[in-house]
Amino acid sequence: MTFAEKFEELKQKYAAGADFSAVDHDLAAEITLTDADAGGTFYVAWLGGKLRIEPYNYYDHTVSIRIGSDLLESLLQGKKNPVNEFLLGNLEAEGEPADALALIGAMKLKNRAKKRKG
C-alpha cells in the first residue's frame, strides 16, 4: 500500500464522526508514518472549530508524532494506550503531548460507540 492509499484509508475511517467537543483550543499534529511501504507525513488540525486533515507537512504544528500506521490504528481503536506506547519507545512525540492525547481521544472509535449507546 502506498502512502497516498494509507492516508486516504485512515482519513475515511477516522475523520468521519470525530468528536472534538472536549477540545477547547486549536491544535495541529504533524504525523509521520514510519512504514517502509507507506511512509509519509500528513497533518490533523483542529483550528477555529474545523477539522482539517491533509497529506502534507504542517510546519506550525503543536505536536509532531512519528508512528507506524498499525500502531496508530491500534491507538485510534482503543486497543493500545498512547502513554504506554510512548514510554516503550514505540512512537515518538515532540511538542505538546496533551495535544496528541486530545487528538487521539477525539478520533477514537470506542468513544463514538459509547456516545451512540448513551
N, C-alpha and C. Protein backbone atom coordinates (compact mmCIF):
# COMPACT_ATOMS: atom_id res chain seq x y z
N MET A 1 0.85 -1.18 0.00
CA MET A 1 0.00 0.00 0.00
C MET A 1 0.89 1.24 0.00
N THR A 2 0.56 2.20 -0.80
CA THR A 2 1.34 3.44 -0.86
C THR A 2 0.92 4.38 0.26
N PHE A 3 1.70 5.44 0.46
CA PHE A 3 1.33 6.44 1.46
C PHE A 3 -0.01 7.06 1.12
N ALA A 4 -0.22 7.42 -0.13
CA ALA A 4 -1.48 8.06 -0.53
C ALA A 4 -2.67 7.16 -0.22
N GLU A 5 -2.54 5.87 -0.48
CA GLU A 5 -3.63 4.93 -0.19
C GLU A 5 -3.85 4.81 1.32
N LYS A 6 -2.77 4.70 2.08
CA LYS A 6 -2.89 4.57 3.54
C LYS A 6 -3.50 5.83 4.14
N PHE A 7 -3.04 7.00 3.65
CA PHE A 7 -3.60 8.26 4.14
C PHE A 7 -5.10 8.31 3.91
N GLU A 8 -5.55 8.01 2.71
CA GLU A 8 -6.98 8.06 2.40
C GLU A 8 -7.77 7.06 3.26
N GLU A 9 -7.20 5.88 3.47
CA GLU A 9 -7.86 4.88 4.30
C GLU A 9 -8.04 5.40 5.73
N LEU A 10 -6.97 5.94 6.30
CA LEU A 10 -7.04 6.47 7.66
C LEU A 10 -8.02 7.64 7.74
N LYS A 11 -7.95 8.54 6.79
CA LYS A 11 -8.82 9.72 6.79
C LYS A 11 -10.29 9.30 6.73
N GLN A 12 -10.63 8.40 5.82
CA GLN A 12 -12.01 7.96 5.68
C GLN A 12 -12.51 7.23 6.93
N LYS A 13 -11.65 6.43 7.50
CA LYS A 13 -12.04 5.60 8.64
C LYS A 13 -12.20 6.40 9.93
N TYR A 14 -11.33 7.37 10.16
CA TYR A 14 -11.30 8.03 11.47
C TYR A 14 -11.78 9.47 11.50
N ALA A 15 -11.82 10.16 10.37
CA ALA A 15 -12.23 11.57 10.38
C ALA A 15 -13.73 11.71 10.54
N ALA A 16 -14.49 10.88 9.85
CA ALA A 16 -15.95 10.97 9.92
C ALA A 16 -16.41 10.68 11.34
N GLY A 17 -17.13 11.59 11.90
CA GLY A 17 -17.66 11.38 13.25
C GLY A 17 -16.70 11.69 14.38
N ALA A 18 -15.53 12.24 14.07
CA ALA A 18 -14.60 12.61 15.14
C ALA A 18 -15.29 13.63 16.04
N ASP A 19 -15.06 13.52 17.33
CA ASP A 19 -15.73 14.39 18.32
C ASP A 19 -14.70 15.23 19.05
N PHE A 20 -14.58 16.48 18.65
CA PHE A 20 -13.64 17.41 19.28
C PHE A 20 -14.32 18.30 20.32
N SER A 21 -15.49 17.93 20.78
CA SER A 21 -16.23 18.78 21.72
C SER A 21 -15.49 19.00 23.03
N ALA A 22 -14.62 18.09 23.42
CA ALA A 22 -13.86 18.25 24.67
C ALA A 22 -12.57 19.05 24.47
N VAL A 23 -12.25 19.40 23.22
CA VAL A 23 -11.02 20.14 22.92
C VAL A 23 -11.37 21.62 22.90
N ASP A 24 -10.77 22.38 23.83
CA ASP A 24 -11.12 23.79 23.97
C ASP A 24 -10.09 24.75 23.37
N HIS A 25 -9.21 24.24 22.52
CA HIS A 25 -8.19 25.10 21.91
C HIS A 25 -7.80 24.54 20.54
N ASP A 26 -7.15 25.38 19.75
CA ASP A 26 -6.65 24.92 18.46
C ASP A 26 -5.46 24.00 18.68
N LEU A 27 -5.35 22.99 17.82
CA LEU A 27 -4.18 22.11 17.86
C LEU A 27 -3.91 21.60 16.46
N ALA A 28 -2.67 21.28 16.22
CA ALA A 28 -2.27 20.74 14.92
C ALA A 28 -1.19 19.70 15.14
N ALA A 29 -1.43 18.52 14.64
CA ALA A 29 -0.46 17.43 14.78
C ALA A 29 0.10 17.08 13.40
N GLU A 30 1.41 17.09 13.31
CA GLU A 30 2.07 16.60 12.11
C GLU A 30 2.42 15.15 12.40
N ILE A 31 1.89 14.24 11.60
CA ILE A 31 2.06 12.81 11.84
C ILE A 31 2.88 12.21 10.71
N THR A 32 3.99 11.58 11.09
CA THR A 32 4.83 10.91 10.12
C THR A 32 4.68 9.42 10.30
N LEU A 33 4.16 8.76 9.28
CA LEU A 33 4.05 7.31 9.30
C LEU A 33 5.42 6.74 8.94
N THR A 34 5.88 5.79 9.75
CA THR A 34 7.23 5.25 9.58
C THR A 34 7.26 3.94 8.80
N ASP A 35 6.14 3.52 8.26
CA ASP A 35 6.06 2.28 7.50
C ASP A 35 7.02 2.31 6.31
N ALA A 36 7.66 1.20 6.03
CA ALA A 36 8.59 1.13 4.90
C ALA A 36 7.87 1.34 3.57
N ASP A 37 6.68 0.78 3.43
CA ASP A 37 5.97 0.88 2.16
C ASP A 37 4.99 2.03 2.08
N ALA A 38 4.53 2.54 3.21
CA ALA A 38 3.52 3.60 3.21
C ALA A 38 3.95 4.78 4.07
N GLY A 39 5.24 5.01 4.16
CA GLY A 39 5.73 6.11 4.97
C GLY A 39 5.45 7.45 4.32
N GLY A 40 5.23 8.44 5.15
CA GLY A 40 4.97 9.79 4.67
C GLY A 40 4.41 10.63 5.79
N THR A 41 4.19 11.90 5.52
CA THR A 41 3.74 12.85 6.54
C THR A 41 2.41 13.46 6.15
N PHE A 42 1.54 13.58 7.15
CA PHE A 42 0.27 14.29 6.98
C PHE A 42 -0.02 15.06 8.25
N TYR A 43 -1.06 15.88 8.20
CA TYR A 43 -1.41 16.61 9.41
C TYR A 43 -2.89 16.49 9.71
N VAL A 44 -3.17 16.60 11.00
CA VAL A 44 -4.54 16.67 11.50
C VAL A 44 -4.60 17.93 12.34
N ALA A 45 -5.50 18.84 11.99
CA ALA A 45 -5.59 20.10 12.71
C ALA A 45 -7.04 20.38 13.10
N TRP A 46 -7.21 20.87 14.30
CA TRP A 46 -8.49 21.36 14.80
C TRP A 46 -8.28 22.85 15.00
N LEU A 47 -8.75 23.62 14.03
CA LEU A 47 -8.49 25.07 14.01
C LEU A 47 -9.79 25.82 13.82
N GLY A 48 -10.08 26.71 14.76
CA GLY A 48 -11.29 27.51 14.65
C GLY A 48 -12.56 26.68 14.57
N GLY A 49 -12.55 25.54 15.26
CA GLY A 49 -13.72 24.68 15.28
C GLY A 49 -13.91 23.82 14.04
N LYS A 50 -12.88 23.73 13.20
CA LYS A 50 -12.97 22.92 11.99
C LYS A 50 -11.84 21.91 11.93
N LEU A 51 -12.17 20.70 11.50
CA LEU A 51 -11.19 19.63 11.36
C LEU A 51 -10.60 19.67 9.96
N ARG A 52 -9.29 19.64 9.90
CA ARG A 52 -8.59 19.59 8.61
C ARG A 52 -7.59 18.44 8.65
N ILE A 53 -7.61 17.62 7.62
CA ILE A 53 -6.67 16.51 7.51
C ILE A 53 -6.14 16.52 6.08
N GLU A 54 -4.85 16.73 5.93
CA GLU A 54 -4.26 16.86 4.61
C GLU A 54 -2.95 16.08 4.53
N PRO A 55 -2.60 15.59 3.34
CA PRO A 55 -1.41 14.74 3.18
C PRO A 55 -0.11 15.49 2.93
N TYR A 56 0.19 16.43 3.80
CA TYR A 56 1.48 17.11 3.69
C TYR A 56 1.90 17.68 5.04
N ASN A 57 3.11 18.19 5.10
CA ASN A 57 3.68 18.74 6.34
C ASN A 57 2.88 19.95 6.81
N TYR A 58 2.90 20.16 8.12
CA TYR A 58 2.28 21.34 8.72
C TYR A 58 3.32 21.89 9.68
N TYR A 59 4.02 22.91 9.24
CA TYR A 59 5.17 23.40 9.99
C TYR A 59 4.81 24.14 11.28
N ASP A 60 3.60 24.64 11.39
CA ASP A 60 3.19 25.38 12.59
C ASP A 60 2.41 24.45 13.53
N HIS A 61 2.85 23.19 13.64
CA HIS A 61 2.14 22.21 14.46
C HIS A 61 2.42 22.43 15.96
N THR A 62 1.51 21.91 16.77
CA THR A 62 1.69 21.96 18.23
C THR A 62 2.32 20.67 18.74
N VAL A 63 2.23 19.60 17.93
CA VAL A 63 2.86 18.34 18.29
C VAL A 63 3.24 17.60 17.01
N SER A 64 4.37 16.94 17.05
CA SER A 64 4.84 16.13 15.94
C SER A 64 4.96 14.69 16.43
N ILE A 65 4.40 13.76 15.64
CA ILE A 65 4.36 12.36 16.04
C ILE A 65 4.96 11.50 14.93
N ARG A 66 5.84 10.58 15.32
CA ARG A 66 6.38 9.57 14.40
C ARG A 66 5.87 8.22 14.88
N ILE A 67 5.18 7.50 13.98
CA ILE A 67 4.49 6.29 14.40
C ILE A 67 4.23 5.39 13.19
N GLY A 68 4.16 4.10 13.41
CA GLY A 68 3.76 3.17 12.37
C GLY A 68 2.25 3.19 12.22
N SER A 69 1.75 2.93 11.02
CA SER A 69 0.31 3.02 10.79
C SER A 69 -0.48 1.97 11.58
N ASP A 70 0.09 0.78 11.78
CA ASP A 70 -0.61 -0.24 12.57
C ASP A 70 -0.80 0.21 14.02
N LEU A 71 0.24 0.81 14.60
CA LEU A 71 0.13 1.30 15.97
C LEU A 71 -0.85 2.47 16.04
N LEU A 72 -0.81 3.36 15.07
CA LEU A 72 -1.76 4.48 15.04
C LEU A 72 -3.19 3.96 15.04
N GLU A 73 -3.45 2.97 14.21
CA GLU A 73 -4.80 2.41 14.18
C GLU A 73 -5.17 1.73 15.50
N SER A 74 -4.22 1.04 16.13
CA SER A 74 -4.49 0.42 17.43
C SER A 74 -4.83 1.47 18.49
N LEU A 75 -4.16 2.61 18.44
CA LEU A 75 -4.46 3.69 19.38
C LEU A 75 -5.85 4.26 19.12
N LEU A 76 -6.17 4.48 17.85
CA LEU A 76 -7.47 5.05 17.49
C LEU A 76 -8.62 4.09 17.72
N GLN A 77 -8.32 2.80 17.76
CA GLN A 77 -9.34 1.80 18.06
C GLN A 77 -9.45 1.54 19.56
N GLY A 78 -8.57 2.16 20.34
CA GLY A 78 -8.60 1.97 21.78
C GLY A 78 -7.97 0.67 22.24
N LYS A 79 -7.23 -0.01 21.37
CA LYS A 79 -6.62 -1.29 21.72
C LYS A 79 -5.31 -1.12 22.48
N LYS A 80 -4.67 0.02 22.30
CA LYS A 80 -3.40 0.28 22.98
C LYS A 80 -3.45 1.65 23.63
N ASN A 81 -2.62 1.83 24.64
CA ASN A 81 -2.56 3.07 25.40
C ASN A 81 -1.43 3.94 24.85
N PRO A 82 -1.72 5.18 24.45
CA PRO A 82 -0.68 6.02 23.86
C PRO A 82 0.46 6.36 24.81
N VAL A 83 0.18 6.54 26.07
CA VAL A 83 1.24 6.86 27.03
C VAL A 83 2.18 5.67 27.19
N ASN A 84 1.61 4.48 27.32
CA ASN A 84 2.45 3.27 27.43
C ASN A 84 3.32 3.09 26.19
N GLU A 85 2.74 3.27 25.02
CA GLU A 85 3.48 3.09 23.78
C GLU A 85 4.60 4.12 23.65
N PHE A 86 4.36 5.34 24.12
CA PHE A 86 5.40 6.36 24.12
C PHE A 86 6.54 5.96 25.05
N LEU A 87 6.17 5.52 26.26
CA LEU A 87 7.18 5.12 27.24
C LEU A 87 7.98 3.90 26.79
N LEU A 88 7.35 3.03 26.02
CA LEU A 88 8.03 1.85 25.49
C LEU A 88 8.90 2.18 24.27
N GLY A 89 8.79 3.41 23.77
CA GLY A 89 9.58 3.83 22.62
C GLY A 89 8.99 3.42 21.28
N ASN A 90 7.72 3.05 21.28
CA ASN A 90 7.08 2.60 20.04
C ASN A 90 6.55 3.75 19.19
N LEU A 91 6.55 4.95 19.74
CA LEU A 91 6.20 6.15 19.00
C LEU A 91 7.00 7.30 19.57
N GLU A 92 7.23 8.29 18.75
CA GLU A 92 7.95 9.48 19.19
C GLU A 92 7.01 10.67 19.10
N ALA A 93 7.10 11.56 20.08
CA ALA A 93 6.28 12.78 20.05
C ALA A 93 7.12 13.93 20.57
N GLU A 94 7.03 15.05 19.86
CA GLU A 94 7.71 16.28 20.27
C GLU A 94 6.68 17.40 20.28
N GLY A 95 6.77 18.25 21.27
CA GLY A 95 5.84 19.37 21.36
C GLY A 95 4.91 19.18 22.54
N GLU A 96 3.64 19.42 22.33
CA GLU A 96 2.64 19.36 23.39
C GLU A 96 2.01 17.96 23.45
N PRO A 97 2.46 17.12 24.39
CA PRO A 97 1.89 15.77 24.46
C PRO A 97 0.39 15.76 24.75
N ALA A 98 -0.10 16.76 25.45
CA ALA A 98 -1.54 16.83 25.73
C ALA A 98 -2.34 16.97 24.44
N ASP A 99 -1.77 17.64 23.44
CA ASP A 99 -2.46 17.77 22.16
C ASP A 99 -2.53 16.44 21.43
N ALA A 100 -1.49 15.64 21.54
CA ALA A 100 -1.51 14.30 20.93
C ALA A 100 -2.60 13.45 21.58
N LEU A 101 -2.70 13.51 22.89
CA LEU A 101 -3.73 12.74 23.61
C LEU A 101 -5.13 13.24 23.27
N ALA A 102 -5.29 14.57 23.15
CA ALA A 102 -6.59 15.14 22.79
C ALA A 102 -7.00 14.69 21.39
N LEU A 103 -6.05 14.68 20.48
CA LEU A 103 -6.33 14.25 19.11
C LEU A 103 -6.77 12.79 19.07
N ILE A 104 -6.03 11.93 19.73
CA ILE A 104 -6.36 10.51 19.76
C ILE A 104 -7.73 10.31 20.40
N GLY A 105 -7.98 11.01 21.50
CA GLY A 105 -9.28 10.88 22.17
C GLY A 105 -10.44 11.33 21.30
N ALA A 106 -10.25 12.41 20.54
CA ALA A 106 -11.33 12.93 19.70
C ALA A 106 -11.64 12.02 18.52
N MET A 107 -10.63 11.31 18.04
CA MET A 107 -10.82 10.49 16.85
C MET A 107 -10.99 9.00 17.17
N LYS A 108 -10.93 8.65 18.44
CA LYS A 108 -11.00 7.23 18.84
C LYS A 108 -12.38 6.65 18.53
N LEU A 109 -12.37 5.48 17.92
CA LEU A 109 -13.62 4.82 17.55
C LEU A 109 -14.46 4.40 18.74
N LYS A 110 -13.82 3.95 19.82
CA LYS A 110 -14.56 3.49 21.01
C LYS A 110 -15.41 4.62 21.60
N ASN A 111 -14.89 5.82 21.60
CA ASN A 111 -15.64 6.95 22.15
C ASN A 111 -16.92 7.19 21.35
N ARG A 112 -16.88 7.00 20.06
CA ARG A 112 -18.06 7.19 19.22
C ARG A 112 -19.10 6.13 19.52
N ALA A 113 -18.67 4.90 19.74
CA ALA A 113 -19.61 3.82 20.04
C ALA A 113 -20.30 4.09 21.37
N LYS A 114 -19.57 4.58 22.35
CA LYS A 114 -20.16 4.89 23.65
C LYS A 114 -21.19 6.01 23.52
N LYS A 115 -20.91 7.04 22.71
CA LYS A 115 -21.84 8.14 22.53
C LYS A 115 -23.13 7.67 21.89
N ARG A 116 -23.04 6.75 20.91
CA ARG A 116 -24.24 6.25 20.25
C ARG A 116 -25.11 5.47 21.21
N LYS A 117 -24.48 4.69 22.12
CA LYS A 117 -25.24 3.87 23.07
C LYS A 117 -25.88 4.74 24.13
N GLY A 118 -25.15 5.76 24.60
CA GLY A 118 -25.58 6.57 25.73
C GLY A 118 -26.52 7.59 25.35
